[in-house]
Amino acid sequence: MITFGLLAVLLLAWLWQRWHFGHWQRLGVPHAPAAPFVGNVWRLLRGCCCFGDQFRELYECPSAKGQAYLGIHVLHNHALLLREPALIKRILVEDFGQFSSRFETTDAIGDTMGAQNLFFSKYEMWRETHKIFAPFFAAGKVRHMFGLLQQIGQQLEQHMARQLTASGTKEGTLELEVKQLSALFSTDIIASLAFGLEANCLQQPDAEFRRMCIEVNEPRPKRLLHLFTMFFFPRCSRQLRTHLYSEEYERFMRQSMNWVMEQRAASGEQRHDLIDIFLQLQRTQPPESVVHRRDFFVAQAAFLLLAGFDTSSSTITFALYELAKQPAIQQRLRQELAAALLGSGATAGQLDYETLSGLPYLRQVVDEVLRLYPPTAFLDRCCNAKAGYDLSAWSCGSALRLPPGTPVYISVLGLHRDEQYWPQPLKFDPERFSPEQRVQHQPMTYLPFGAGPRERPKPLC
């Protein structure tokens, strides 16, 4: 009897998953074949690839070729993967109001640090936060911070000189782990800009800030469960009391931010960093503003440290890797920088903000690195239109209205490596971004920071 009951349950489960994962086929939507019970993210769940590679593989699957969108299943969630640039523009820009929030969600009540940052916050919170911070991400504000960046750059030079001296090599060469060096450099920059602190990671690789950057990415079981819930079962985030960060990271962030803001307010020092911005907002915003909510400023700084140090260090690492492989490109870039150092925009061997921003070949190299290795490998949005979203104009033979709550994904990595838009997409070629080539790029096929109102602020990426 028990055996019969077990077989019946297994049969019902099998029939249910066949019906559930046949959703897009019944609607006549081009779709990727789903694996039983896990949908189209089996390789991701097994740890064989990351989110970015999983969505790139779906973007490139045979059933997706020539389609504006592809029906997929992110675990049990019915979702769409967008492929047509014009449709992507509609979703991210023109019809932003109907896709204004991301799909993933943390506990909006219990996780005050995770739910209030610019990335994870829902539309109402995001709208007010973005309106407050947008003026401070302008080029003029970043120009004021440039002196702090120069100081960290000088510390990097000193660190390299010490390492070279300590190595004792007669050839004047030194072998270094570039990813680690870039991470130390990036952490020092973010600690200075966001916290007004000298993290000294280049001098002390085991410094507290560096340790926290490593700790927050540790794959501990509890945090993996929280992240799994936030990305795959966001409606359960409140019940499971999910947190974006670990308890130790939250404690460290609160202590650091509270101490720095108290010290800065008492001293009146001006460093032209984010702490100055936070204190100005604290003084000028009305009492009902979101800036006066618990952990608001901590939330922004904590996410900047989490998201900034890894993406920045990875971009630096990939750039150095590609330049090392192609000496001709490296030499041309060196010549441009050397000429700039001899020009009027250099003082004491340092380039000013305007000169550095105006170097055309440097811009081409950076843009090509961001194309081949985008810091944001995929984008997601959630349909929040109460009546759904009409996709009839993009449908393939059948009318489709996207129900509210349906997630849509965009494979930035897939777009950036699509030979339809980028010939020889795996080749590192800064000439793609020369003035002549740049004007020929199809809109919405280059999205290293996203697009639309929720695009990441470029100066701080």
Protein backbone atom coordinates (compact mmCIF):
# COMPACT_ATOMS: atom_id res chain seq x y z
CA MET A 1 0.00 0.00 0.00
CA ILE A 2 2.83 2.40 0.90
CA THR A 3 4.63 1.49 -2.31
CA PHE A 4 1.49 2.12 -4.34
CA GLY A 5 1.00 5.50 -2.66
CA LEU A 6 4.61 6.49 -3.30
CA LEU A 7 4.32 5.53 -6.96
CA ALA A 8 1.12 7.54 -7.24
CA VAL A 9 2.82 10.62 -5.76
CA LEU A 10 5.78 10.25 -8.13
CA LEU A 11 3.45 9.85 -11.10
CA LEU A 12 1.47 12.95 -10.13
CA ALA A 13 4.69 14.92 -9.65
CA TRP A 14 5.91 13.82 -13.05
CA LEU A 15 2.63 14.73 -14.73
CA TRP A 16 2.57 18.09 -12.96
CA GLN A 17 6.07 19.04 -14.07
CA ARG A 18 5.29 17.94 -17.66
CA TRP A 19 2.27 20.23 -17.63
CA HIS A 20 4.05 23.09 -15.85
CA PHE A 21 7.08 23.14 -18.13
CA GLY A 22 4.87 22.87 -21.20
CA HIS A 23 3.59 26.39 -20.51
CA TRP A 24 5.35 28.18 -23.36
CA GLN A 25 4.67 25.38 -25.84
CA ARG A 26 0.93 25.60 -25.16
CA LEU A 27 1.07 29.34 -25.83
CA GLY A 28 2.95 28.84 -29.09
CA VAL A 29 5.98 30.76 -27.83
CA PRO A 30 9.51 29.84 -28.98
CA HIS A 31 11.08 28.18 -25.97
CA ALA A 32 14.11 26.35 -24.68
CA PRO A 33 13.47 22.70 -23.72
CA ALA A 34 13.27 22.48 -19.93
CA ALA A 35 14.86 19.79 -17.77
CA PRO A 36 12.42 17.98 -15.43
CA PHE A 37 11.73 19.88 -12.19
CA VAL A 38 14.60 22.42 -12.63
CA GLY A 39 13.69 24.17 -15.88
CA ASN A 40 16.54 25.82 -17.79
CA VAL A 41 19.01 26.43 -14.97
CA TRP A 42 20.31 22.90 -14.35
CA ARG A 43 23.93 23.79 -15.16
CA LEU A 44 23.69 26.81 -12.85
CA LEU A 45 22.30 24.73 -9.98
CA ARG A 46 25.08 22.17 -10.42
CA GLY A 47 27.68 24.91 -10.14
CA CYS A 48 28.93 24.37 -13.70
CA CYS A 49 28.41 27.99 -14.70
CA CYS A 50 27.34 31.38 -13.36
CA PHE A 51 24.11 33.28 -14.03
CA GLY A 52 25.71 35.24 -16.87
CA ASP A 53 26.90 32.14 -18.72
CA GLN A 54 23.60 30.33 -18.16
CA PHE A 55 21.62 33.14 -19.80
CA ARG A 56 24.20 33.44 -22.58
CA GLU A 57 23.78 29.74 -23.39
CA LEU A 58 20.00 30.19 -23.53
CA TYR A 59 20.44 33.28 -25.73
CA GLU A 60 22.51 31.18 -28.14
CA CYS A 61 20.38 28.00 -28.09
CA PRO A 62 19.06 26.82 -31.51
CA SER A 63 15.40 27.57 -30.74
CA ALA A 64 16.30 31.21 -29.98
CA LYS A 65 17.84 32.02 -33.37
CA GLY A 66 15.97 34.80 -35.15
CA GLN A 67 13.43 35.24 -32.33
CA ALA A 68 12.57 38.47 -30.52
CA TYR A 69 12.24 36.57 -27.24
CA LEU A 70 12.50 33.06 -25.85
CA GLY A 71 10.30 31.36 -23.29
CA ILE A 72 12.40 29.90 -20.46
CA HIS A 73 11.93 28.52 -16.97
CA VAL A 74 14.16 29.86 -14.20
CA LEU A 75 13.62 26.91 -11.90
CA HIS A 76 9.80 26.87 -11.67
CA ASN A 77 9.27 30.49 -12.78
CA HIS A 78 7.85 31.13 -16.25
CA ALA A 79 10.10 33.83 -17.74
CA LEU A 80 11.08 35.47 -21.01
CA LEU A 81 14.59 36.02 -22.32
CA LEU A 82 14.61 39.09 -24.58
CA ARG A 83 16.81 39.05 -27.71
CA GLU A 84 15.56 41.79 -30.06
CA PRO A 85 17.28 45.16 -29.35
CA ALA A 86 14.14 47.15 -30.20
CA LEU A 87 12.10 45.10 -27.72
CA ILE A 88 14.82 45.47 -25.09
CA LYS A 89 14.60 49.25 -25.54
CA ARG A 90 10.83 49.11 -25.08
CA ILE A 91 11.13 47.20 -21.81
CA LEU A 92 14.08 49.08 -20.28
CA VAL A 93 13.38 52.61 -21.52
CA GLU A 94 10.11 53.40 -23.28
CA ASP A 95 7.80 51.26 -21.12
CA PHE A 96 9.93 51.45 -17.98
CA GLY A 97 6.86 52.18 -15.84
CA GLN A 98 5.56 48.67 -16.54
CA PHE A 99 8.91 47.03 -15.68
CA SER A 100 10.20 49.36 -12.98
CA SER A 101 11.39 46.78 -10.42
CA ARG A 102 13.71 43.82 -10.47
CA PHE A 103 12.41 40.30 -9.96
CA GLU A 104 14.62 39.32 -7.03
CA THR A 105 13.49 40.51 -3.62
CA THR A 106 14.82 40.51 -0.09
CA ASP A 107 12.89 40.96 3.16
CA ALA A 108 11.72 44.58 2.88
CA ILE A 109 11.02 44.85 6.63
CA GLY A 110 13.72 42.81 8.33
CA ASP A 111 16.58 43.40 5.88
CA THR A 112 16.86 47.19 6.00
CA MET A 113 20.34 47.16 4.48
CA GLY A 114 19.50 44.88 1.57
CA ALA A 115 16.11 46.36 0.70
CA GLN A 116 17.12 50.04 0.61
CA ASN A 117 20.08 50.09 -1.76
CA LEU A 118 19.68 51.40 -5.30
CA PHE A 119 20.00 47.95 -6.87
CA PHE A 120 17.50 45.88 -4.87
CA SER A 121 14.97 48.50 -3.80
CA LYS A 122 11.49 48.32 -5.27
CA TYR A 123 10.21 51.10 -7.49
CA GLU A 124 8.77 53.47 -4.87
CA MET A 125 11.92 53.38 -2.74
CA TRP A 126 14.19 53.40 -5.80
CA ARG A 127 12.43 56.42 -7.35
CA GLU A 128 13.00 58.65 -4.34
CA THR A 129 16.52 57.37 -3.73
CA HIS A 130 17.49 57.84 -7.37
CA LYS A 131 16.04 61.36 -7.44
CA ILE A 132 18.14 62.29 -4.41
CA PHE A 133 21.41 60.73 -5.57
CA ALA A 134 21.33 61.40 -9.33
CA PRO A 135 22.87 64.91 -9.08
CA PHE A 136 25.74 63.57 -7.00
CA PHE A 137 26.73 61.02 -9.67
CA ALA A 138 27.31 63.77 -12.25
CA ALA A 139 30.76 64.28 -13.74
CA GLY A 140 31.31 67.43 -11.69
CA LYS A 141 31.07 65.53 -8.41
CA VAL A 142 33.35 62.76 -9.67
CA ARG A 143 35.87 65.42 -10.69
CA HIS A 144 36.06 66.54 -7.05
CA MET A 145 36.75 62.94 -6.00
CA PHE A 146 39.54 62.52 -8.54
CA GLY A 147 42.21 63.72 -6.13
CA LEU A 148 41.37 60.82 -3.81
CA LEU A 149 41.80 58.40 -6.73
CA GLN A 150 45.20 59.91 -7.50
CA GLN A 151 46.32 59.32 -3.92
CA ILE A 152 45.45 55.62 -4.15
CA GLY A 153 47.20 55.46 -7.53
CA GLN A 154 50.38 56.81 -5.94
CA GLN A 155 50.08 54.20 -3.19
CA LEU A 156 49.84 51.51 -5.88
CA GLU A 157 53.06 52.78 -7.48
CA GLN A 158 54.80 52.72 -4.10
CA HIS A 159 53.48 49.21 -3.42
CA MET A 160 54.82 47.96 -6.76
CA ALA A 161 58.21 49.57 -6.10
CA ARG A 162 58.42 47.89 -2.68
CA GLN A 163 57.47 44.53 -4.15
CA LEU A 164 60.10 44.87 -6.86
CA THR A 165 62.79 45.82 -4.35
CA ALA A 166 61.84 42.97 -2.03
CA SER A 167 61.99 40.43 -4.85
CA GLY A 168 65.70 41.14 -5.41
CA THR A 169 65.53 40.18 -9.08
CA LYS A 170 68.33 41.54 -11.25
CA GLU A 171 66.15 41.70 -14.35
CA GLY A 172 63.82 44.26 -12.79
CA THR A 173 60.81 42.02 -13.31
CA LEU A 174 58.26 40.69 -10.87
CA GLU A 175 55.53 38.07 -11.11
CA LEU A 176 52.28 39.09 -9.36
CA GLU A 177 48.76 37.75 -8.99
CA VAL A 178 46.99 40.50 -10.93
CA LYS A 179 43.48 39.69 -9.71
CA GLN A 180 44.55 40.03 -6.08
CA LEU A 181 46.49 43.23 -6.76
CA SER A 182 43.48 44.73 -8.57
CA ALA A 183 41.19 43.73 -5.69
CA LEU A 184 43.44 45.43 -3.12
CA PHE A 185 43.63 48.56 -5.26
CA SER A 186 39.84 48.66 -5.84
CA THR A 187 39.07 48.09 -2.16
CA ASP A 188 41.32 50.98 -1.14
CA ILE A 189 39.55 53.25 -3.65
CA ILE A 190 36.03 52.33 -2.53
CA ALA A 191 36.94 52.56 1.16
CA SER A 192 38.24 56.07 0.54
CA LEU A 193 35.33 57.27 -1.62
CA ALA A 194 32.45 55.60 0.23
CA PHE A 195 33.71 55.58 3.81
CA GLY A 196 36.33 58.29 3.94
CA LEU A 197 38.74 55.76 5.42
CA GLU A 198 42.26 54.66 4.61
CA ALA A 199 41.78 50.90 4.29
CA ASN A 200 45.51 50.37 3.53
CA CYS A 201 44.84 47.08 1.78
CA LEU A 202 47.86 47.56 -0.49
CA GLN A 203 50.10 47.84 2.59
CA GLN A 204 48.18 45.24 4.62
CA PRO A 205 46.46 42.63 2.39
CA ASP A 206 44.72 41.16 5.45
CA ALA A 207 43.24 44.53 6.50
CA GLU A 208 39.72 44.58 7.90
CA PHE A 209 38.11 46.05 4.79
CA ARG A 210 39.69 43.44 2.56
CA ARG A 211 38.65 40.67 4.94
CA MET A 212 35.06 41.91 4.82
CA CYS A 213 35.10 41.96 1.01
CA ILE A 214 36.15 38.32 1.06
CA GLU A 215 33.75 37.38 3.86
CA VAL A 216 30.65 38.79 2.15
CA ASN A 217 31.25 36.49 -0.84
CA GLU A 218 31.92 33.36 1.20
CA PRO A 219 29.45 30.63 0.08
CA ARG A 220 28.18 29.77 3.55
CA PRO A 221 25.05 27.53 3.65
CA LYS A 222 22.79 30.11 5.35
CA ARG A 223 23.68 32.88 2.93
CA LEU A 224 23.34 30.57 -0.08
CA LEU A 225 19.84 29.66 1.13
CA HIS A 226 18.93 33.34 1.44
CA LEU A 227 20.28 34.18 -2.02
CA PHE A 228 18.54 31.12 -3.51
CA THR A 229 15.24 32.31 -2.05
CA MET A 230 15.72 35.90 -3.19
CA PHE A 231 16.45 34.94 -6.80
CA PHE A 232 14.17 31.91 -7.30
CA PHE A 233 11.41 32.28 -4.68
CA PRO A 234 11.25 36.05 -4.04
CA ARG A 235 7.67 35.85 -2.75
CA CYS A 236 8.98 33.79 0.17
CA SER A 237 11.67 36.30 1.18
CA ARG A 238 9.54 37.88 3.90
CA GLN A 239 8.50 34.54 5.42
CA LEU A 240 12.08 33.23 5.44
CA ARG A 241 13.47 36.61 6.61
CA THR A 242 16.16 36.69 3.97
CA HIS A 243 19.18 38.98 4.25
CA LEU A 244 21.43 40.07 1.40
CA TYR A 245 24.47 40.23 3.69
CA SER A 246 25.85 38.14 6.52
CA GLU A 247 25.42 39.27 10.13
CA GLU A 248 29.15 39.97 10.43
CA TYR A 249 29.17 42.16 7.31
CA GLU A 250 26.10 44.09 8.48
CA ARG A 251 27.67 44.70 11.90
CA PHE A 252 30.93 45.89 10.32
CA MET A 253 29.13 48.24 7.92
CA ARG A 254 26.99 49.83 10.64
CA GLN A 255 29.93 50.37 12.98
CA SER A 256 32.13 51.81 10.21
CA MET A 257 29.50 54.15 8.76
CA ASN A 258 28.20 55.39 12.10
CA TRP A 259 31.71 56.12 13.36
CA VAL A 260 32.83 57.87 10.17
CA MET A 261 29.71 60.04 9.91
CA GLU A 262 29.91 61.06 13.56
CA GLN A 263 33.59 61.93 13.25
CA ARG A 264 33.10 63.87 10.02
CA ALA A 265 30.12 65.81 11.36
CA ALA A 266 32.08 66.76 14.48
CA SER A 267 35.26 67.81 12.65
CA GLY A 268 33.64 69.56 9.68
CA GLU A 269 36.33 68.14 7.38
CA GLN A 270 35.59 68.20 3.63
CA ARG A 271 36.99 65.32 1.54
CA HIS A 272 34.66 65.53 -1.48
CA ASP A 273 33.63 61.89 -0.97
CA LEU A 274 30.32 60.12 -0.42
CA ILE A 275 30.38 60.84 3.31
CA ASP A 276 30.22 64.55 2.51
CA ILE A 277 27.25 63.82 0.26
CA PHE A 278 25.50 61.77 2.95
CA LEU A 279 25.95 64.49 5.57
CA GLN A 280 24.68 67.15 3.17
CA LEU A 281 21.57 65.06 2.46
CA GLN A 282 21.06 64.48 6.17
CA ARG A 283 21.05 68.26 6.74
CA THR A 284 18.97 69.32 3.75
CA GLN A 285 16.34 66.61 3.16
CA PRO A 286 12.92 67.00 4.86
CA PRO A 287 12.09 64.78 7.87
CA GLU A 288 9.83 62.49 5.82
CA SER A 289 12.60 61.73 3.28
CA VAL A 290 13.92 58.18 2.92
CA VAL A 291 17.39 59.39 3.89
CA HIS A 292 16.28 59.52 7.52
CA ARG A 293 15.23 55.88 7.61
CA ARG A 294 17.28 53.42 9.62
CA ASP A 295 20.30 52.08 7.74
CA PHE A 296 19.62 54.13 4.60
CA PHE A 297 23.16 55.47 4.20
CA VAL A 298 24.69 52.21 5.42
CA ALA A 299 22.70 50.36 2.74
CA GLN A 300 24.14 52.50 -0.07
CA ALA A 301 27.73 52.23 1.14
CA ALA A 302 27.49 48.50 1.88
CA PHE A 303 26.26 47.68 -1.61
CA LEU A 304 28.81 49.98 -3.22
CA LEU A 305 31.57 48.05 -1.47
CA LEU A 306 30.04 44.67 -2.35
CA ALA A 307 29.35 45.45 -6.01
CA GLY A 308 32.16 47.88 -6.69
CA PHE A 309 35.31 46.16 -5.58
CA ASP A 310 34.71 42.92 -7.50
CA THR A 311 33.46 44.45 -10.76
CA SER A 312 36.20 47.09 -10.77
CA SER A 313 38.99 44.65 -9.97
CA SER A 314 37.70 42.17 -12.56
CA THR A 315 37.59 44.85 -15.26
CA ILE A 316 41.15 45.92 -14.45
CA THR A 317 42.29 42.29 -14.50
CA PHE A 318 40.67 41.53 -17.85
CA ALA A 319 42.11 44.74 -19.34
CA LEU A 320 45.64 43.84 -18.26
CA TYR A 321 45.14 40.28 -19.52
CA GLU A 322 44.09 41.42 -23.01
CA LEU A 323 46.84 44.04 -23.19
CA ALA A 324 49.42 41.41 -22.23
CA LYS A 325 48.20 39.17 -25.06
CA GLN A 326 48.35 41.97 -27.66
CA PRO A 327 51.59 43.98 -27.38
CA ALA A 328 50.69 46.22 -30.34
CA ILE A 329 47.55 47.47 -28.60
CA GLN A 330 49.48 47.84 -25.34
CA GLN A 331 52.18 49.89 -27.06
CA ARG A 332 49.68 52.22 -28.73
CA LEU A 333 47.96 52.84 -25.40
CA ARG A 334 51.30 53.48 -23.67
CA GLN A 335 52.19 56.03 -26.35
CA GLU A 336 48.90 57.88 -25.85
CA LEU A 337 49.40 57.99 -22.08
CA ALA A 338 53.05 59.05 -22.43
CA ALA A 339 52.08 61.90 -24.76
CA ALA A 340 49.39 63.02 -22.32
CA LEU A 341 51.90 63.07 -19.46
CA LEU A 342 54.06 65.46 -21.46
CA GLY A 343 51.11 67.72 -22.22
CA SER A 344 49.48 70.58 -20.36
CA GLY A 345 47.05 68.28 -18.54
CA ALA A 346 49.78 66.69 -16.43
CA THR A 347 51.22 68.00 -13.17
CA ALA A 348 54.09 66.29 -11.35
CA GLY A 349 53.64 63.18 -13.45
CA GLN A 350 49.90 62.99 -12.77
CA LEU A 351 47.07 63.38 -15.30
CA ASP A 352 44.13 65.57 -14.36
CA TYR A 353 40.52 64.45 -14.68
CA GLU A 354 39.78 66.29 -17.94
CA THR A 355 42.88 64.98 -19.72
CA LEU A 356 42.31 61.39 -18.64
CA SER A 357 38.64 61.54 -19.65
CA GLY A 358 39.61 62.88 -23.08
CA LEU A 359 42.05 60.13 -24.15
CA PRO A 360 40.29 58.49 -27.13
CA TYR A 361 42.23 55.24 -27.38
CA LEU A 362 42.05 54.62 -23.63
CA ARG A 363 38.27 55.00 -23.93
CA GLN A 364 38.24 52.51 -26.82
CA VAL A 365 40.24 49.95 -24.83
CA VAL A 366 38.00 50.28 -21.77
CA ASP A 367 34.82 50.03 -23.85
CA GLU A 368 36.08 46.89 -25.58
CA VAL A 369 36.96 45.30 -22.22
CA LEU A 370 33.43 46.07 -21.01
CA ARG A 371 31.99 44.54 -24.18
CA LEU A 372 33.90 41.29 -23.91
CA TYR A 373 33.69 41.09 -20.11
CA PRO A 374 30.61 43.11 -19.03
CA PRO A 375 30.41 43.78 -15.27
CA THR A 376 26.65 43.22 -15.49
CA ALA A 377 26.36 39.94 -17.43
CA PHE A 378 22.55 39.90 -17.36
CA LEU A 379 19.66 42.21 -16.51
CA ASP A 380 16.28 41.34 -15.07
CA ARG A 381 12.97 43.13 -14.69
CA CYS A 382 9.54 42.12 -13.39
CA CYS A 383 6.30 42.97 -15.19
CA ASN A 384 4.28 45.13 -12.80
CA ALA A 385 1.52 46.22 -15.22
CA LYS A 386 -1.77 45.27 -13.55
CA ALA A 387 -3.34 44.28 -16.87
CA GLY A 388 -0.20 42.55 -18.11
CA TYR A 389 2.02 43.61 -21.00
CA ASP A 390 1.00 43.16 -24.62
CA LEU A 391 3.66 41.45 -26.75
CA SER A 392 1.44 40.90 -29.80
CA ALA A 393 3.62 43.13 -31.97
CA TRP A 394 6.59 40.86 -31.24
CA SER A 395 4.81 37.50 -31.16
CA CYS A 396 5.60 34.69 -33.53
CA GLY A 397 2.19 33.72 -34.84
CA SER A 398 0.26 33.95 -31.56
CA ALA A 399 -0.89 36.83 -29.39
CA LEU A 400 0.85 37.00 -26.03
CA ARG A 401 0.09 39.12 -22.99
CA LEU A 402 2.72 38.84 -20.30
CA PRO A 403 1.00 38.34 -16.90
CA PRO A 404 1.94 40.67 -14.02
CA GLY A 405 4.73 39.26 -11.88
CA THR A 406 6.48 37.57 -14.82
CA PRO A 407 10.26 38.07 -14.87
CA VAL A 408 12.07 39.05 -18.06
CA TYR A 409 15.81 38.63 -18.54
CA ILE A 410 18.34 40.18 -20.91
CA SER A 411 21.63 38.43 -21.59
CA VAL A 412 24.11 41.28 -21.82
CA LEU A 413 26.88 38.74 -22.36
CA GLY A 414 24.87 37.15 -25.18
CA LEU A 415 24.28 40.50 -26.89
CA HIS A 416 27.93 41.52 -26.52
CA ARG A 417 29.11 38.27 -28.12
CA ASP A 418 26.51 38.04 -30.87
CA GLU A 419 28.28 37.96 -34.24
CA GLN A 420 25.20 39.57 -35.81
CA TYR A 421 26.19 42.80 -34.04
CA TRP A 422 29.89 42.26 -33.38
CA PRO A 423 31.94 40.50 -36.11
CA GLN A 424 34.45 38.06 -34.60
CA PRO A 425 32.90 38.70 -31.17
CA LEU A 426 35.55 36.86 -29.16
CA LYS A 427 38.37 38.94 -30.62
CA PHE A 428 39.62 41.83 -28.49
CA ASP A 429 39.57 44.78 -30.88
CA PRO A 430 39.37 48.37 -29.53
CA GLU A 431 38.84 49.62 -33.10
CA ARG A 432 35.19 48.58 -32.72
CA PHE A 433 34.81 51.76 -30.67
CA SER A 434 36.66 54.17 -32.94
CA PRO A 435 34.56 57.24 -33.82
CA GLU A 436 33.83 55.80 -37.27
CA GLN A 437 32.71 52.42 -35.95
CA ARG A 438 30.88 53.69 -32.88
CA VAL A 439 28.22 55.49 -34.91
CA GLN A 440 27.41 52.22 -36.70
CA HIS A 441 26.58 50.29 -33.51
CA GLN A 442 22.99 49.15 -33.29
CA PRO A 443 21.32 50.71 -30.24
CA MET A 444 20.80 48.44 -27.21
CA THR A 445 23.46 45.92 -28.26
CA TYR A 446 26.06 47.41 -25.89
CA LEU A 447 24.78 47.43 -22.31
CA PRO A 448 27.70 47.07 -19.86
CA PHE A 449 25.80 49.09 -17.23
CA GLY A 450 22.25 48.39 -18.38
CA ALA A 451 19.98 51.05 -19.86
CA GLY A 452 17.03 53.21 -18.96
CA PRO A 453 16.25 54.88 -15.63
CA ARG A 454 17.70 51.94 -13.63
CA GLU A 455 21.00 52.02 -15.46
CA ARG A 456 23.94 51.80 -13.06
CA PRO A 457 25.66 55.16 -12.45
CA LYS A 458 28.72 54.97 -14.72
CA PRO A 459 31.05 57.24 -12.72
CA LEU A 460 30.88 54.89 -9.73
CA CYS A 461 31.07 51.59 -11.61
